[in-house]
C-alpha atoms as a PDB file:
ATOM      1  CA  MET A   1      14.194 -22.363  -5.408  1.00  0.00           C
ATOM      2  CA  GLN A   2      11.281 -19.979  -5.927  1.00  0.00           C
ATOM      3  CA  THR A   3       8.820 -22.768  -5.102  1.00  0.00           C
ATOM      4  CA  HIS A   4      10.078 -22.673  -1.508  1.00  0.00           C
ATOM      5  CA  ILE A   5       9.821 -18.898  -1.026  1.00  0.00           C
ATOM      6  CA  PRO A   6       6.119 -18.833   0.060  1.00  0.00           C
ATOM      7  CA  ASN A   7       6.733 -21.688   2.528  1.00  0.00           C
ATOM      8  CA  ILE A   8       9.704 -19.840   4.017  1.00  0.00           C
ATOM      9  CA  ILE A   9       7.456 -16.804   4.543  1.00  0.00           C
ATOM     10  CA  THR A  10       4.840 -19.059   6.147  1.00  0.00           C
ATOM     11  CA  LEU A  11       7.481 -20.430   8.512  1.00  0.00           C
ATOM     12  CA  LEU A  12       8.320 -16.827   9.445  1.00  0.00           C
ATOM     13  CA  ASN A  13       4.645 -16.404  10.357  1.00  0.00           C
ATOM     14  CA  LEU A  14       5.014 -19.432  12.641  1.00  0.00           C
ATOM     15  CA  LEU A  15       8.266 -18.115  14.137  1.00  0.00           C
ATOM     16  CA  PHE A  16       6.787 -14.684  14.818  1.00  0.00           C
ATOM     17  CA  GLY A  17       3.787 -16.378  16.448  1.00  0.00           C
ATOM     18  CA  VAL A  18       6.144 -18.265  18.757  1.00  0.00           C
ATOM     19  CA  PHE A  19       7.981 -15.028  19.609  1.00  0.00           C
ATOM     20  CA  ALA A  20       4.647 -13.298  20.298  1.00  0.00           C
ATOM     21  CA  SER A  21       3.613 -16.150  22.604  1.00  0.00           C
ATOM     22  CA  LEU A  22       6.863 -15.956  24.566  1.00  0.00           C
ATOM     23  CA  SER A  23       6.601 -12.173  24.827  1.00  0.00           C
ATOM     24  CA  LEU A  24       3.066 -12.428  26.202  1.00  0.00           C
ATOM     25  CA  LEU A  25       4.014 -15.142  28.677  1.00  0.00           C
ATOM     26  CA  TYR A  26       6.930 -13.077  29.987  1.00  0.00           C
ATOM     27  CA  GLY A  27       4.925  -9.842  30.172  1.00  0.00           C
ATOM     28  CA  SER A  28       6.615  -8.032  27.262  1.00  0.00           C
ATOM     29  CA  LEU A  29       3.265  -6.902  25.908  1.00  0.00           C
ATOM     30  CA  GLU A  30       4.357  -4.113  23.580  1.00  0.00           C
ATOM     31  CA  LEU A  31       7.000  -6.372  22.037  1.00  0.00           C
ATOM     32  CA  ALA A  32       4.288  -9.004  21.548  1.00  0.00           C
ATOM     33  CA  LEU A  33       2.315  -6.489  19.477  1.00  0.00           C
ATOM     34  CA  LEU A  34       5.295  -6.125  17.143  1.00  0.00           C
ATOM     35  CA  TRP A  35       5.615  -9.894  16.658  1.00  0.00           C
ATOM     36  CA  ILE A  36       1.869 -10.245  16.041  1.00  0.00           C
ATOM     37  CA  GLY A  37       2.048  -7.504  13.410  1.00  0.00           C
ATOM     38  CA  LEU A  38       4.946  -9.252  11.671  1.00  0.00           C
ATOM     39  CA  ALA A  39       3.076 -12.572  11.782  1.00  0.00           C
ATOM     40  CA  ALA A  40       0.048 -10.937  10.141  1.00  0.00           C
ATOM     41  CA  LEU A  41       2.290  -9.411   7.463  1.00  0.00           C
ATOM     42  CA  ALA A  42       3.900 -12.791   6.745  1.00  0.00           C
ATOM     43  CA  ASP A  43       0.443 -14.410   6.621  1.00  0.00           C
ATOM     44  CA  PHE A  44      -0.586 -11.923   3.935  1.00  0.00           C
ATOM     45  CA  LEU A  45       2.649 -12.155   1.964  1.00  0.00           C
ATOM     46  CA  ASP A  46       2.909 -15.951   1.708  1.00  0.00           C
ATOM     47  CA  GLY A  47      -0.343 -16.243  -0.257  1.00  0.00           C
ATOM     48  CA  PHE A  48       0.408 -13.126  -2.315  1.00  0.00           C
ATOM     49  CA  VAL A  49       3.883 -14.376  -3.253  1.00  0.00           C
ATOM     50  CA  ALA A  50       2.572 -17.881  -4.026  1.00  0.00           C
ATOM     51  CA  ARG A  51       0.008 -16.442  -6.450  1.00  0.00           C
ATOM     52  CA  TRP A  52       2.533 -14.034  -7.947  1.00  0.00           C
ATOM     53  CA  LEU A  53       5.062 -16.810  -8.580  1.00  0.00           C
ATOM     54  CA  ASN A  54       2.283 -19.302  -9.453  1.00  0.00           C
ATOM     55  CA  VAL A  55       3.673 -21.880  -7.043  1.00  0.00           C
ATOM     56  CA  GLN A  56       0.616 -22.710  -4.889  1.00  0.00           C
ATOM     57  CA  SER A  57       0.880 -26.188  -3.407  1.00  0.00           C
ATOM     58  CA  PRO A  58      -1.008 -28.536  -1.037  1.00  0.00           C
ATOM     59  CA  LEU A  59       1.976 -28.351   1.328  1.00  0.00           C
ATOM     60  CA  GLY A  60       1.750 -24.569   1.422  1.00  0.00           C
ATOM     61  CA  LYS A  61      -1.958 -24.720   2.283  1.00  0.00           C
ATOM     62  CA  GLU A  62      -1.413 -27.144   5.156  1.00  0.00           C
ATOM     63  CA  LEU A  63       1.654 -25.299   6.414  1.00  0.00           C
ATOM     64  CA  ASP A  64      -0.267 -22.020   6.397  1.00  0.00           C
ATOM     65  CA  SER A  65      -2.946 -23.427   8.697  1.00  0.00           C
ATOM     66  CA  LEU A  66      -0.336 -24.897  11.040  1.00  0.00           C
ATOM     67  CA  ALA A  67       1.380 -21.518  11.320  1.00  0.00           C
ATOM     68  CA  ASP A  68      -1.955 -19.750  11.800  1.00  0.00           C
ATOM     69  CA  MET A  69      -2.786 -22.132  14.640  1.00  0.00           C
ATOM     70  CA  VAL A  70       0.052 -20.582  16.631  1.00  0.00           C
ATOM     71  CA  SER A  71      -0.129 -16.945  15.492  1.00  0.00           C
ATOM     72  CA  PHE A  72      -3.918 -16.695  15.337  1.00  0.00           C
ATOM     73  CA  GLY A  73      -5.059 -19.540  17.592  1.00  0.00           C
ATOM     74  CA  PHE A  74      -2.691 -19.818  20.525  1.00  0.00           C
ATOM     75  CA  VAL A  75      -1.748 -16.122  20.687  1.00  0.00           C
ATOM     76  CA  PRO A  76      -5.304 -14.759  21.172  1.00  0.00           C
ATOM     77  CA  GLY A  77      -5.865 -17.433  23.813  1.00  0.00           C
ATOM     78  CA  ILE A  78      -2.838 -16.158  25.739  1.00  0.00           C
ATOM     79  CA  ILE A  79      -4.023 -12.558  25.393  1.00  0.00           C
ATOM     80  CA  PHE A  80      -7.457 -13.388  26.828  1.00  0.00           C
ATOM     81  CA  TYR A  81      -5.828 -15.529  29.521  1.00  0.00           C
ATOM     82  CA  GLY A  82      -3.650 -12.588  30.555  1.00  0.00           C
ATOM     83  CA  LEU A  83      -6.544 -10.117  30.534  1.00  0.00           C
ATOM     84  CA  ILE A  84      -8.712 -12.373  32.698  1.00  0.00           C
ATOM     85  CA  VAL A  85      -5.938 -12.929  35.246  1.00  0.00           C
ATOM     86  CA  GLN A  86      -5.080  -9.214  35.197  1.00  0.00           C
ATOM     87  CA  ASN A  87      -8.715  -8.405  35.879  1.00  0.00           C
ATOM     88  CA  GLN A  88      -8.893 -10.766  38.846  1.00  0.00           C
ATOM     89  CA  THR A  89      -5.439 -10.370  40.432  1.00  0.00           C
ATOM     90  CA  GLY A  90      -4.412  -6.868  39.406  1.00  0.00           C
ATOM     91  CA  SER A  91      -1.271  -7.946  37.551  1.00  0.00           C
ATOM     92  CA  TRP A  92      -0.312  -9.709  34.330  1.00  0.00           C
ATOM     93  CA  PRO A  93       0.163 -13.435  35.050  1.00  0.00           C
ATOM     94  CA  ASP A  94       3.631 -14.721  35.889  1.00  0.00           C
ATOM     95  CA  ALA A  95       2.417 -18.157  37.029  1.00  0.00           C
ATOM     96  CA  TRP A  96      -0.344 -20.672  36.346  1.00  0.00           C
ATOM     97  CA  HIS A  97      -3.874 -19.400  37.105  1.00  0.00           C
ATOM     98  CA  TRP A  98      -6.850 -21.717  36.635  1.00  0.00           C
ATOM     99  CA  ILE A  99      -9.206 -18.765  36.453  1.00  0.00           C
ATOM    100  CA  GLY A 100      -7.819 -17.855  33.031  1.00  0.00           C
ATOM    101  CA  MET A 101      -8.384 -21.269  31.458  1.00  0.00           C
ATOM    102  CA  PRO A 102     -11.702 -20.358  29.708  1.00  0.00           C
ATOM    103  CA  ALA A 103      -9.631 -18.117  27.424  1.00  0.00           C
ATOM    104  CA  PHE A 104      -8.337 -21.139  25.548  1.00  0.00           C
ATOM    105  CA  ALA A 105     -11.793 -21.919  24.184  1.00  0.00           C
ATOM    106  CA  ILE A 106     -10.607 -19.417  21.562  1.00  0.00           C
ATOM    107  CA  THR A 107      -7.619 -21.647  20.766  1.00  0.00           C
ATOM    108  CA  LEU A 108      -9.729 -24.802  20.502  1.00  0.00           C
ATOM    109  CA  SER A 109     -12.249 -23.071  18.239  1.00  0.00           C
ATOM    110  CA  ALA A 110      -9.442 -21.708  16.052  1.00  0.00           C
ATOM    111  CA  GLY A 111      -8.015 -25.209  15.645  1.00  0.00           C
ATOM    112  CA  LEU A 112     -11.393 -26.576  14.560  1.00  0.00           C
ATOM    113  CA  ARG A 113     -11.939 -23.677  12.176  1.00  0.00           C
ATOM    114  CA  LEU A 114      -8.524 -24.019  10.536  1.00  0.00           C
ATOM    115  CA  GLY A 115      -9.038 -27.765  10.122  1.00  0.00           C
ATOM    116  CA  ARG A 116     -12.360 -27.184   8.386  1.00  0.00           C
ATOM    117  CA  PHE A 117     -10.955 -24.384   6.228  1.00  0.00           C
ATOM    118  CA  ASN A 118      -8.551 -26.734   4.466  1.00  0.00           C
ATOM    119  CA  ILE A 119     -11.327 -29.097   3.346  1.00  0.00           C
ATOM    120  CA  ASP A 120     -14.108 -26.553   2.709  1.00  0.00           C
ATOM    121  CA  ILE A 121     -14.212 -25.767  -1.017  1.00  0.00           C
ATOM    122  CA  ARG A 122     -16.697 -22.944  -0.389  1.00  0.00           C
ATOM    123  CA  GLN A 123     -13.994 -20.687   1.063  1.00  0.00           C
ATOM    124  CA  ASN A 124     -11.950 -20.042  -2.066  1.00  0.00           C
ATOM    125  CA  THR A 125     -13.034 -16.412  -2.396  1.00  0.00           C
ATOM    126  CA  ASP A 126     -14.797 -15.454   0.851  1.00  0.00           C
ATOM    127  CA  PHE A 127     -14.973 -16.985   4.331  1.00  0.00           C
ATOM    128  CA  ILE A 128     -17.512 -19.101   6.165  1.00  0.00           C
ATOM    129  CA  GLY A 129     -17.277 -18.050   9.789  1.00  0.00           C
ATOM    130  CA  LEU A 130     -14.920 -15.543  11.376  1.00  0.00           C
ATOM    131  CA  PRO A 131     -11.331 -15.973  10.111  1.00  0.00           C
ATOM    132  CA  THR A 132      -8.745 -16.595  12.828  1.00  0.00           C
ATOM    133  CA  PRO A 133      -6.641 -13.464  12.080  1.00  0.00           C
ATOM    134  CA  ALA A 134      -9.751 -11.363  12.746  1.00  0.00           C
ATOM    135  CA  CYS A 135     -10.115 -13.032  16.138  1.00  0.00           C
ATOM    136  CA  THR A 136      -6.498 -12.174  16.942  1.00  0.00           C
ATOM    137  CA  LEU A 137      -6.976  -8.554  15.855  1.00  0.00           C
ATOM    138  CA  PHE A 138      -9.935  -8.280  18.239  1.00  0.00           C
ATOM    139  CA  ALA A 139      -7.769  -9.623  21.068  1.00  0.00           C
ATOM    140  CA  VAL A 140      -5.000  -7.198  20.100  1.00  0.00           C
ATOM    141  CA  GLY A 141      -7.533  -4.361  20.292  1.00  0.00           C
ATOM    142  CA  LEU A 142      -8.358  -5.322  23.875  1.00  0.00           C
ATOM    143  CA  LEU A 143      -4.655  -5.578  24.713  1.00  0.00           C
ATOM    144  CA  LEU A 144      -4.136  -2.047  23.388  1.00  0.00           C
ATOM    145  CA  ILE A 145      -6.912  -0.800  25.662  1.00  0.00           C
ATOM    146  CA  HIS A 146      -5.213  -2.553  28.590  1.00  0.00           C
ATOM    147  CA  LEU A 147      -1.909  -0.867  27.743  1.00  0.00           C
ATOM    148  CA  PHE A 148      -2.970   2.642  26.798  1.00  0.00           C
ATOM    149  CA  TYR A 149      -6.436   3.374  28.227  1.00  0.00           C
ATOM    150  CA  LYS A 150      -6.134   2.403  31.889  1.00  0.00           C
ATOM    151  CA  GLU A 151      -7.652   5.698  33.066  1.00  0.00           C
ATOM    152  CA  SER A 152     -10.331   5.792  30.375  1.00  0.00           C
ATOM    153  CA  VAL A 153     -13.937   4.635  30.401  1.00  0.00           C
ATOM    154  CA  LEU A 154     -12.843   2.285  27.599  1.00  0.00           C
ATOM    155  CA  HIS A 155     -11.087   0.198  30.231  1.00  0.00           C
ATOM    156  CA  ASN A 156     -14.549  -1.016  31.268  1.00  0.00           C
ATOM    157  CA  LEU A 157     -14.466  -3.135  28.110  1.00  0.00           C
ATOM    158  CA  LEU A 158     -12.045  -5.401  30.001  1.00  0.00           C
ATOM    159  CA  ASP A 159     -14.549  -6.324  32.704  1.00  0.00           C
ATOM    160  CA  ILE A 160     -14.398 -10.053  33.462  1.00  0.00           C
ATOM    161  CA  LYS A 161     -18.000 -10.647  32.371  1.00  0.00           C
ATOM    162  CA  LEU A 162     -17.414  -8.943  29.043  1.00  0.00           C
ATOM    163  CA  LEU A 163     -14.206 -10.889  28.482  1.00  0.00           C
ATOM    164  CA  ILE A 164     -16.151 -14.140  28.862  1.00  0.00           C
ATOM    165  CA  VAL A 165     -18.786 -12.830  26.431  1.00  0.00           C
ATOM    166  CA  TYR A 166     -16.063 -12.004  23.890  1.00  0.00           C
ATOM    167  CA  ILE A 167     -14.531 -15.465  24.227  1.00  0.00           C
ATOM    168  CA  ILE A 168     -17.870 -17.220  23.734  1.00  0.00           C
ATOM    169  CA  GLY A 169     -18.895 -14.907  20.901  1.00  0.00           C
ATOM    170  CA  LEU A 170     -15.628 -15.182  18.964  1.00  0.00           C
ATOM    171  CA  SER A 171     -15.513 -18.961  19.449  1.00  0.00           C
ATOM    172  CA  LEU A 172     -19.053 -19.333  18.095  1.00  0.00           C
ATOM    173  CA  LEU A 173     -18.449 -16.940  15.207  1.00  0.00           C
ATOM    174  CA  MET A 174     -15.437 -18.978  14.064  1.00  0.00           C
ATOM    175  CA  GLN A 175     -17.737 -22.017  13.803  1.00  0.00           C
ATOM    176  CA  ALA A 176     -20.769 -20.197  12.412  1.00  0.00           C
ATOM    177  CA  ASN A 177     -22.130 -21.083   8.970  1.00  0.00           C
ATOM    178  CA  LEU A 178     -22.041 -17.382   8.193  1.00  0.00           C
ATOM    179  CA  PRO A 179     -20.594 -15.864   4.999  1.00  0.00           C
ATOM    180  CA  MET A 180     -17.973 -13.221   5.801  1.00  0.00           C
ATOM    181  CA  PHE A 181     -16.292 -11.264   3.033  1.00  0.00           C
ATOM    182  CA  SER A 182     -12.598 -11.434   2.209  1.00  0.00           C
ATOM    183  CA  LEU A 183     -10.657  -8.277   1.346  1.00  0.00           C
ATOM    184  CA  LYS A 184      -9.159  -9.931  -1.738  1.00  0.00           C
ATOM    185  CA  ILE A 185     -10.207  -7.777  -4.687  1.00  0.00           C
ATOM    186  CA  LYS A 186     -10.900  -9.413  -8.035  1.00  0.00           C
ATOM    187  CA  GLY A 187     -12.357  -7.446 -10.909  1.00  0.00           C
ATOM    188  CA  GLY A 188     -13.558  -3.857 -10.900  1.00  0.00           C
ATOM    189  CA  TRP A 189     -15.519  -1.517  -8.653  1.00  0.00           C
ATOM    190  CA  LYS A 190     -18.907  -3.127  -9.342  1.00  0.00           C
ATOM    191  CA  ASN A 191     -17.940  -6.471  -7.788  1.00  0.00           C
ATOM    192  CA  ASN A 192     -15.876  -5.017  -4.950  1.00  0.00           C
ATOM    193  CA  GLN A 193     -17.795  -1.987  -3.676  1.00  0.00           C
ATOM    194  CA  LEU A 194     -18.212  -3.320  -0.135  1.00  0.00           C
ATOM    195  CA  LYS A 195     -14.567  -4.397   0.147  1.00  0.00           C
ATOM    196  CA  ILE A 196     -13.181  -1.105  -1.159  1.00  0.00           C
ATOM    197  CA  ILE A 197     -15.436   1.024   1.066  1.00  0.00           C
ATOM    198  CA  PHE A 198     -14.499  -1.076   4.083  1.00  0.00           C
ATOM    199  CA  ALA A 199     -10.781  -0.813   3.245  1.00  0.00           C
ATOM    200  CA  VAL A 200     -11.068   2.986   3.005  1.00  0.00           C
ATOM    201  CA  PHE A 201     -12.936   3.052   6.335  1.00  0.00           C
ATOM    202  CA  CYS A 202     -10.155   0.986   7.941  1.00  0.00           C
ATOM    203  CA  ALA A 203      -7.503   3.372   6.612  1.00  0.00           C
ATOM    204  CA  ILE A 204      -9.372   6.396   8.024  1.00  0.00           C
ATOM    205  CA  VAL A 205      -9.744   4.757  11.447  1.00  0.00           C
ATOM    206  CA  LEU A 206      -6.044   3.808  11.451  1.00  0.00           C
ATOM    207  CA  ILE A 207      -5.046   7.424  10.808  1.00  0.00           C
ATOM    208  CA  TRP A 208      -7.595   8.910  13.221  1.00  0.00           C
ATOM    209  CA  GLN A 209      -7.353   6.498  16.182  1.00  0.00           C
ATOM    210  CA  PRO A 210      -4.559   3.960  15.558  1.00  0.00           C
ATOM    211  CA  LYS A 211      -4.715   2.387  19.030  1.00  0.00           C
ATOM    212  CA  LEU A 212      -8.441   1.761  18.691  1.00  0.00           C
ATOM    213  CA  ALA A 213      -8.209   0.641  15.064  1.00  0.00           C
ATOM    214  CA  PRO A 214      -8.006  -3.173  15.514  1.00  0.00           C
ATOM    215  CA  LEU A 215     -11.048  -3.354  17.790  1.00  0.00           C
ATOM    216  CA  THR A 216     -13.012  -0.970  15.555  1.00  0.00           C
ATOM    217  CA  TRP A 217     -12.061  -2.887  12.413  1.00  0.00           C
ATOM    218  CA  ILE A 218     -13.156  -6.291  13.629  1.00  0.00           C
ATOM    219  CA  THR A 219     -16.321  -5.090  15.356  1.00  0.00           C
ATOM    220  CA  SER A 220     -17.316  -3.283  12.148  1.00  0.00           C
ATOM    221  CA  TYR A 221     -16.334  -6.291  10.025  1.00  0.00           C
ATOM    222  CA  ILE A 222     -18.530  -8.633  12.056  1.00  0.00           C
ATOM    223  CA  LEU A 223     -21.509  -6.258  12.068  1.00  0.00           C
ATOM    224  CA  LEU A 224     -21.181  -5.532   8.352  1.00  0.00           C
ATOM    225  CA  SER A 225     -20.959  -9.235   7.509  1.00  0.00           C
ATOM    226  CA  LEU A 226     -24.045  -9.956   9.620  1.00  0.00           C
ATOM    227  CA  PHE A 227     -25.982  -7.085   8.039  1.00  0.00           C
ATOM    228  CA  THR A 228     -24.965  -8.110   4.499  1.00  0.00           C
ATOM    229  CA  HIS A 229     -25.906 -11.742   5.108  1.00  0.00           C
ATOM    230  CA  PHE A 230     -29.328 -11.074   6.596  1.00  0.00           C
ATOM    231  CA  TYR A 231     -30.124  -8.257   4.138  1.00  0.00           C
ATOM    232  CA  THR A 232     -29.260 -10.521   1.198  1.00  0.00           C
ATOM    233  CA  SER A 233     -31.268 -13.389   2.673  1.00  0.00           C
ATOM    234  CA  LYS A 234     -34.265 -11.117   3.137  1.00  0.00           C
ATOM    235  CA  LYS A 235     -34.079  -9.933  -0.470  1.00  0.00           C
ATOM    236  CA  ILE A 236     -33.994 -13.515  -1.731  1.00  0.00           C
ATOM    237  CA  ILE A 237     -37.055 -14.409   0.351  1.00  0.00           C
END
């Protein structure tokens, strides 16, 4: 029975992703945030439980990517679709709008990235390219600005031109041959300094500015990964 527990958790990730999608499509944006959070929790727990019970399987790996395609591929596409339509029409979409279609470049890129992830043996410890949950967290950060900072200068981050830049940038980063660190900690302080410092930074931001935390986390994660990659490359040269 215990061999099925991680897969059940993965299926919960998929279910929560479906619920988040429906909530976004029907305009229940705050409820969507709850479902996305539960999907992210399930995505973390399935791998943790599989390792703890020592029941990793090829089925679990494939199922995880299929679930992530909904929770972290389709969901961010819907968020960007809604933000684009909101920007252009003044209201969250309740019907089909062609103007929002570029948002689903995110979804297509996520599908390609997840397909590659399952056959790329280099990504056992860290990532190559931006992981799909990070892309969703960035989209969630923008959704939080839409919900809670309508009268703030931060709302300028939802300008249509910037939204297109985010979509292109995130789509390219998911395909980039760029090492990006995982937060999985193995060993002691010496081998995990960057991960531990970043985790502490994330905790401080969450306490200080919880509604801005997702956007701050992912922006910092991308910049830190870029800096680490190019700094390391320069040292080798």
